[in-house]
PDB file of all heavy atoms in Angstrom:
ATOM      1  N   PRO A   1     -40.491  33.423 -82.675  1.00  0.00           N
ATOM      2  CA  PRO A   1     -40.518  31.917 -82.698  1.00  0.00           C
ATOM      3  C   PRO A   1     -39.137  31.250 -82.327  1.00  0.00           C
ATOM      4  O   PRO A   1     -39.208  29.976 -81.989  1.00  0.00           O
ATOM      5  CB  PRO A   1     -41.015  31.537 -84.149  1.00  0.00           C
ATOM      6  CG  PRO A   1     -40.739  32.865 -84.838  1.00  0.00           C
ATOM      7  CD  PRO A   1     -40.757  33.896 -83.936  1.00  0.00           C
ATOM      8  N   VAL A   2     -38.081  31.891 -82.528  1.00  0.00           N
ATOM      9  CA  VAL A   2     -36.763  31.336 -82.387  1.00  0.00           C
ATOM     10  C   VAL A   2     -36.081  32.002 -81.111  1.00  0.00           C
ATOM     11  O   VAL A   2     -35.134  31.349 -80.598  1.00  0.00           O
ATOM     12  CB  VAL A   2     -35.921  31.486 -83.570  1.00  0.00           C
ATOM     13  CG1 VAL A   2     -34.545  30.972 -83.375  1.00  0.00           C
ATOM     14  CG2 VAL A   2     -36.555  30.675 -84.705  1.00  0.00           C
ATOM     15  N   HIS A   3     -36.526  33.095 -80.686  1.00  0.00           N
ATOM     16  CA  HIS A   3     -35.781  33.769 -79.602  1.00  0.00           C
ATOM     17  C   HIS A   3     -35.751  32.981 -78.267  1.00  0.00           C
ATOM     18  O   HIS A   3     -36.738  32.298 -77.809  1.00  0.00           O
ATOM     19  CB  HIS A   3     -36.497  35.092 -79.354  1.00  0.00           C
ATOM     20  CG  HIS A   3     -35.789  35.991 -78.254  1.00  0.00           C
ATOM     21  ND1 HIS A   3     -36.444  36.491 -77.187  1.00  0.00           N
ATOM     22  CD2 HIS A   3     -34.487  36.313 -78.154  1.00  0.00           C
ATOM     23  CE1 HIS A   3     -35.558  37.018 -76.387  1.00  0.00           C
ATOM     24  NE2 HIS A   3     -34.338  37.002 -76.955  1.00  0.00           N
ATOM     25  N   VAL A   4     -34.561  32.955 -77.687  1.00  0.00           N
ATOM     26  CA  VAL A   4     -34.427  32.420 -76.285  1.00  0.00           C
ATOM     27  C   VAL A   4     -33.679  33.506 -75.538  1.00  0.00           C
ATOM     28  O   VAL A   4     -32.741  34.176 -75.967  1.00  0.00           O
ATOM     29  CB  VAL A   4     -33.479  31.118 -76.323  1.00  0.00           C
ATOM     30  CG1 VAL A   4     -33.182  30.708 -74.957  1.00  0.00           C
ATOM     31  CG2 VAL A   4     -34.118  30.093 -77.159  1.00  0.00           C
ATOM     32  N   GLU A   5     -34.229  33.875 -74.252  1.00  0.00           N
ATOM     33  CA  GLU A   5     -33.581  34.791 -73.482  1.00  0.00           C
ATOM     34  C   GLU A   5     -32.192  34.541 -73.075  1.00  0.00           C
ATOM     35  O   GLU A   5     -31.766  33.405 -72.933  1.00  0.00           O
ATOM     36  CB  GLU A   5     -34.449  34.952 -72.194  1.00  0.00           C
ATOM     37  CG  GLU A   5     -35.726  35.704 -72.254  1.00  0.00           C
ATOM     38  CD  GLU A   5     -35.581  37.208 -72.601  1.00  0.00           C
ATOM     39  OE1 GLU A   5     -34.454  37.788 -72.331  1.00  0.00           O
ATOM     40  OE2 GLU A   5     -36.438  37.755 -73.181  1.00  0.00           O
ATOM     41  N   LYS A   6     -31.404  35.515 -73.160  1.00  0.00           N
ATOM     42  CA  LYS A   6     -29.976  35.416 -72.699  1.00  0.00           C
ATOM     43  C   LYS A   6     -29.811  35.666 -71.257  1.00  0.00           C
ATOM     44  O   LYS A   6     -30.540  36.276 -70.578  1.00  0.00           O
ATOM     45  CB  LYS A   6     -29.127  36.338 -73.603  1.00  0.00           C
ATOM     46  CG  LYS A   6     -29.282  37.798 -73.327  1.00  0.00           C
ATOM     47  CD  LYS A   6     -28.391  38.587 -74.233  1.00  0.00           C
ATOM     48  CE  LYS A   6     -28.595  40.103 -74.086  1.00  0.00           C
ATOM     49  NZ  LYS A   6     -27.694  40.884 -75.104  1.00  0.00           N
ATOM     50  N   LEU A   7     -28.573  35.130 -70.820  1.00  0.00           N
ATOM     51  CA  LEU A   7     -28.208  35.321 -69.336  1.00  0.00           C
ATOM     52  C   LEU A   7     -27.948  36.764 -69.076  1.00  0.00           C
ATOM     53  O   LEU A   7     -27.187  37.396 -69.796  1.00  0.00           O
ATOM     54  CB  LEU A   7     -27.074  34.398 -69.062  1.00  0.00           C
ATOM     55  CG  LEU A   7     -26.528  34.494 -67.638  1.00  0.00           C
ATOM     56  CD1 LEU A   7     -27.441  33.886 -66.676  1.00  0.00           C
ATOM     57  CD2 LEU A   7     -25.149  33.662 -67.618  1.00  0.00           C
ATOM     58  N   ARG A   8     -28.632  37.309 -68.074  1.00  0.00           N
ATOM     59  CA  ARG A   8     -28.328  38.756 -67.647  1.00  0.00           C
ATOM     60  C   ARG A   8     -28.110  38.745 -66.166  1.00  0.00           C
ATOM     61  O   ARG A   8     -28.796  38.098 -65.421  1.00  0.00           O
ATOM     62  CB  ARG A   8     -29.557  39.555 -68.025  1.00  0.00           C
ATOM     63  CG  ARG A   8     -29.880  39.781 -69.542  1.00  0.00           C
ATOM     64  CD  ARG A   8     -30.779  40.828 -69.823  1.00  0.00           C
ATOM     65  NE  ARG A   8     -31.155  40.943 -71.158  1.00  0.00           N
ATOM     66  CZ  ARG A   8     -32.257  40.476 -71.757  1.00  0.00           C
ATOM     67  NH1 ARG A   8     -33.096  39.927 -71.027  1.00  0.00           N
ATOM     68  NH2 ARG A   8     -32.452  40.742 -73.012  1.00  0.00           N
ATOM     69  N   LEU A   9     -27.159  39.590 -65.875  1.00  0.00           N
ATOM     70  CA  LEU A   9     -26.958  39.963 -64.413  1.00  0.00           C
ATOM     71  C   LEU A   9     -28.012  41.067 -64.015  1.00  0.00           C
ATOM     72  O   LEU A   9     -28.563  41.702 -64.817  1.00  0.00           O
ATOM     73  CB  LEU A   9     -25.618  40.544 -64.231  1.00  0.00           C
ATOM     74  CG  LEU A   9     -24.375  39.667 -64.622  1.00  0.00           C
ATOM     75  CD1 LEU A   9     -23.158  40.577 -64.655  1.00  0.00           C
ATOM     76  CD2 LEU A   9     -24.242  38.500 -63.678  1.00  0.00           C
ATOM     77  N   SER A  10     -28.264  41.114 -62.646  1.00  0.00           N
ATOM     78  CA  SER A  10     -28.985  42.297 -62.369  1.00  0.00           C
ATOM     79  C   SER A  10     -28.203  43.522 -62.585  1.00  0.00           C
ATOM     80  O   SER A  10     -26.921  43.453 -62.713  1.00  0.00           O
ATOM     81  CB  SER A  10     -29.380  42.183 -60.845  1.00  0.00           C
ATOM     82  OG  SER A  10     -28.196  42.404 -60.081  1.00  0.00           O
ATOM     83  N   ALA A  11     -28.749  44.664 -62.699  1.00  0.00           N
ATOM     84  CA  ALA A  11     -27.981  45.932 -62.885  1.00  0.00           C
ATOM     85  C   ALA A  11     -27.008  46.069 -61.734  1.00  0.00           C
ATOM     86  O   ALA A  11     -25.857  46.510 -61.963  1.00  0.00           O
ATOM     87  CB  ALA A  11     -28.882  47.180 -62.964  1.00  0.00           C
ATOM     88  N   ALA A  12     -27.346  45.728 -60.593  1.00  0.00           N
ATOM     89  CA  ALA A  12     -26.437  45.951 -59.442  1.00  0.00           C
ATOM     90  C   ALA A  12     -25.247  44.940 -59.502  1.00  0.00           C
ATOM     91  O   ALA A  12     -24.079  45.390 -59.284  1.00  0.00           O
ATOM     92  CB  ALA A  12     -27.201  45.632 -58.100  1.00  0.00           C
ATOM     93  N   GLU A  13     -25.510  43.712 -59.964  1.00  0.00           N
ATOM     94  CA  GLU A  13     -24.407  42.762 -60.151  1.00  0.00           C
ATOM     95  C   GLU A  13     -23.576  43.243 -61.285  1.00  0.00           C
ATOM     96  O   GLU A  13     -22.263  43.094 -61.288  1.00  0.00           O
ATOM     97  CB  GLU A  13     -24.985  41.452 -60.513  1.00  0.00           C
ATOM     98  CG  GLU A  13     -25.722  40.773 -59.380  1.00  0.00           C
ATOM     99  CD  GLU A  13     -26.480  39.490 -59.746  1.00  0.00           C
ATOM    100  OE1 GLU A  13     -26.909  39.418 -60.929  1.00  0.00           O
ATOM    101  OE2 GLU A  13     -26.461  38.601 -58.943  1.00  0.00           O
ATOM    102  N   GLY A  14     -24.083  43.821 -62.450  1.00  0.00           N
ATOM    103  CA  GLY A  14     -23.372  44.227 -63.549  1.00  0.00           C
ATOM    104  C   GLY A  14     -22.428  45.375 -63.267  1.00  0.00           C
ATOM    105  O   GLY A  14     -21.322  45.403 -63.613  1.00  0.00           O
ATOM    106  N   ILE A  15     -22.899  46.398 -62.447  1.00  0.00           N
ATOM    107  CA  ILE A  15     -22.150  47.544 -62.069  1.00  0.00           C
ATOM    108  C   ILE A  15     -21.067  47.032 -61.159  1.00  0.00           C
ATOM    109  O   ILE A  15     -19.890  47.540 -61.189  1.00  0.00           O
ATOM    110  CB  ILE A  15     -23.012  48.534 -61.319  1.00  0.00           C
ATOM    111  CG1 ILE A  15     -24.011  49.257 -62.320  1.00  0.00           C
ATOM    112  CG2 ILE A  15     -22.210  49.638 -60.606  1.00  0.00           C
ATOM    113  CD1 ILE A  15     -25.132  50.024 -61.760  1.00  0.00           C
ATOM    114  N   GLY A  16     -21.353  46.183 -60.267  1.00  0.00           N
ATOM    115  CA  GLY A  16     -20.356  45.565 -59.225  1.00  0.00           C
ATOM    116  C   GLY A  16     -19.226  44.906 -60.023  1.00  0.00           C
ATOM    117  O   GLY A  16     -17.975  45.030 -59.782  1.00  0.00           O
ATOM    118  N   LEU A  17     -19.681  44.045 -61.082  1.00  0.00           N
ATOM    119  CA  LEU A  17     -18.654  43.303 -61.802  1.00  0.00           C
ATOM    120  C   LEU A  17     -17.739  44.178 -62.650  1.00  0.00           C
ATOM    121  O   LEU A  17     -16.639  43.962 -62.767  1.00  0.00           O
ATOM    122  CB  LEU A  17     -19.330  42.236 -62.621  1.00  0.00           C
ATOM    123  CG  LEU A  17     -18.473  41.325 -63.593  1.00  0.00           C
ATOM    124  CD1 LEU A  17     -17.358  40.690 -62.795  1.00  0.00           C
ATOM    125  CD2 LEU A  17     -19.288  40.378 -64.402  1.00  0.00           C
ATOM    126  N   ALA A  18     -18.363  45.147 -63.311  1.00  0.00           N
ATOM    127  CA  ALA A  18     -17.601  46.120 -64.123  1.00  0.00           C
ATOM    128  C   ALA A  18     -16.455  46.912 -63.262  1.00  0.00           C
ATOM    129  O   ALA A  18     -15.423  46.963 -63.766  1.00  0.00           O
ATOM    130  CB  ALA A  18     -18.481  47.294 -64.616  1.00  0.00           C
ATOM    131  N   LYS A  19     -16.796  47.070 -62.012  1.00  0.00           N
ATOM    132  CA  LYS A  19     -15.772  47.672 -61.126  1.00  0.00           C
ATOM    133  C   LYS A  19     -14.823  46.595 -60.643  1.00  0.00           C
ATOM    134  O   LYS A  19     -13.614  46.781 -60.602  1.00  0.00           O
ATOM    135  CB  LYS A  19     -16.383  48.235 -59.851  1.00  0.00           C
ATOM    136  CG  LYS A  19     -17.276  49.416 -60.176  1.00  0.00           C
ATOM    137  CD  LYS A  19     -17.915  49.914 -58.909  1.00  0.00           C
ATOM    138  CE  LYS A  19     -18.863  51.107 -59.080  1.00  0.00           C
ATOM    139  NZ  LYS A  19     -19.591  51.617 -57.938  1.00  0.00           N
ATOM    140  N   GLU A  20     -15.205  45.364 -60.318  1.00  0.00           N
ATOM    141  CA  GLU A  20     -14.352  44.370 -59.939  1.00  0.00           C
ATOM    142  C   GLU A  20     -13.384  43.931 -61.035  1.00  0.00           C
ATOM    143  O   GLU A  20     -12.291  43.342 -60.760  1.00  0.00           O
ATOM    144  CB  GLU A  20     -15.163  43.069 -59.527  1.00  0.00           C
ATOM    145  CG  GLU A  20     -15.959  43.422 -58.146  1.00  0.00           C
ATOM    146  CD  GLU A  20     -17.043  42.382 -57.926  1.00  0.00           C
ATOM    147  OE1 GLU A  20     -17.110  41.358 -58.631  1.00  0.00           O
ATOM    148  OE2 GLU A  20     -17.807  42.598 -56.900  1.00  0.00           O
ATOM    149  N   LEU A  21     -13.825  44.036 -62.231  1.00  0.00           N
ATOM    150  CA  LEU A  21     -12.844  43.894 -63.339  1.00  0.00           C
ATOM    151  C   LEU A  21     -11.723  44.904 -63.413  1.00  0.00           C
ATOM    152  O   LEU A  21     -10.972  44.850 -64.365  1.00  0.00           O
ATOM    153  CB  LEU A  21     -13.631  43.774 -64.705  1.00  0.00           C
ATOM    154  CG  LEU A  21     -14.497  42.528 -64.791  1.00  0.00           C
ATOM    155  CD1 LEU A  21     -15.431  42.774 -66.094  1.00  0.00           C
ATOM    156  CD2 LEU A  21     -13.718  41.212 -64.996  1.00  0.00           C
ATOM    157  N   GLY A  22     -11.837  45.867 -62.617  1.00  0.00           N
ATOM    158  CA  GLY A  22     -10.780  46.951 -62.645  1.00  0.00           C
ATOM    159  C   GLY A  22     -11.284  48.160 -63.490  1.00  0.00           C
ATOM    160  O   GLY A  22     -10.368  48.986 -63.649  1.00  0.00           O
ATOM    161  N   GLY A  23     -12.452  48.137 -64.030  1.00  0.00           N
ATOM    162  CA  GLY A  23     -12.775  49.162 -64.958  1.00  0.00           C
ATOM    163  C   GLY A  23     -13.838  50.164 -64.266  1.00  0.00           C
ATOM    164  O   GLY A  23     -14.180  50.078 -63.134  1.00  0.00           O
ATOM    165  N   VAL A  24     -14.088  51.070 -65.207  1.00  0.00           N
ATOM    166  CA  VAL A  24     -15.216  52.121 -64.852  1.00  0.00           C
ATOM    167  C   VAL A  24     -16.646  51.653 -65.216  1.00  0.00           C
ATOM    168  O   VAL A  24     -16.784  51.235 -66.354  1.00  0.00           O
ATOM    169  CB  VAL A  24     -14.919  53.434 -65.431  1.00  0.00           C
ATOM    170  CG1 VAL A  24     -15.920  54.544 -65.036  1.00  0.00           C
ATOM    171  CG2 VAL A  24     -13.525  53.953 -65.108  1.00  0.00           C
ATOM    172  N   ALA A  25     -17.529  51.679 -64.320  1.00  0.00           N
ATOM    173  CA  ALA A  25     -18.863  51.156 -64.702  1.00  0.00           C
ATOM    174  C   ALA A  25     -19.756  52.279 -65.381  1.00  0.00           C
ATOM    175  O   ALA A  25     -19.960  53.332 -64.774  1.00  0.00           O
ATOM    176  CB  ALA A  25     -19.643  50.745 -63.410  1.00  0.00           C
ATOM    177  N   VAL A  26     -19.991  52.191 -66.640  1.00  0.00           N
ATOM    178  CA  VAL A  26     -20.639  53.134 -67.424  1.00  0.00           C
ATOM    179  C   VAL A  26     -21.929  52.550 -68.085  1.00  0.00           C
ATOM    180  O   VAL A  26     -21.891  51.547 -68.644  1.00  0.00           O
ATOM    181  CB  VAL A  26     -19.690  53.565 -68.614  1.00  0.00           C
ATOM    182  CG1 VAL A  26     -20.387  54.556 -69.554  1.00  0.00           C
ATOM    183  CG2 VAL A  26     -18.498  54.331 -67.950  1.00  0.00           C
TER     184      VAL A  26
END
């Protein structure tokens, strides 16, 4: 009754951003 979906990237976007942040995508 209270839940609102949170903002999510696609898995492809998340993996890409993890790398673009200079990190290892795990």
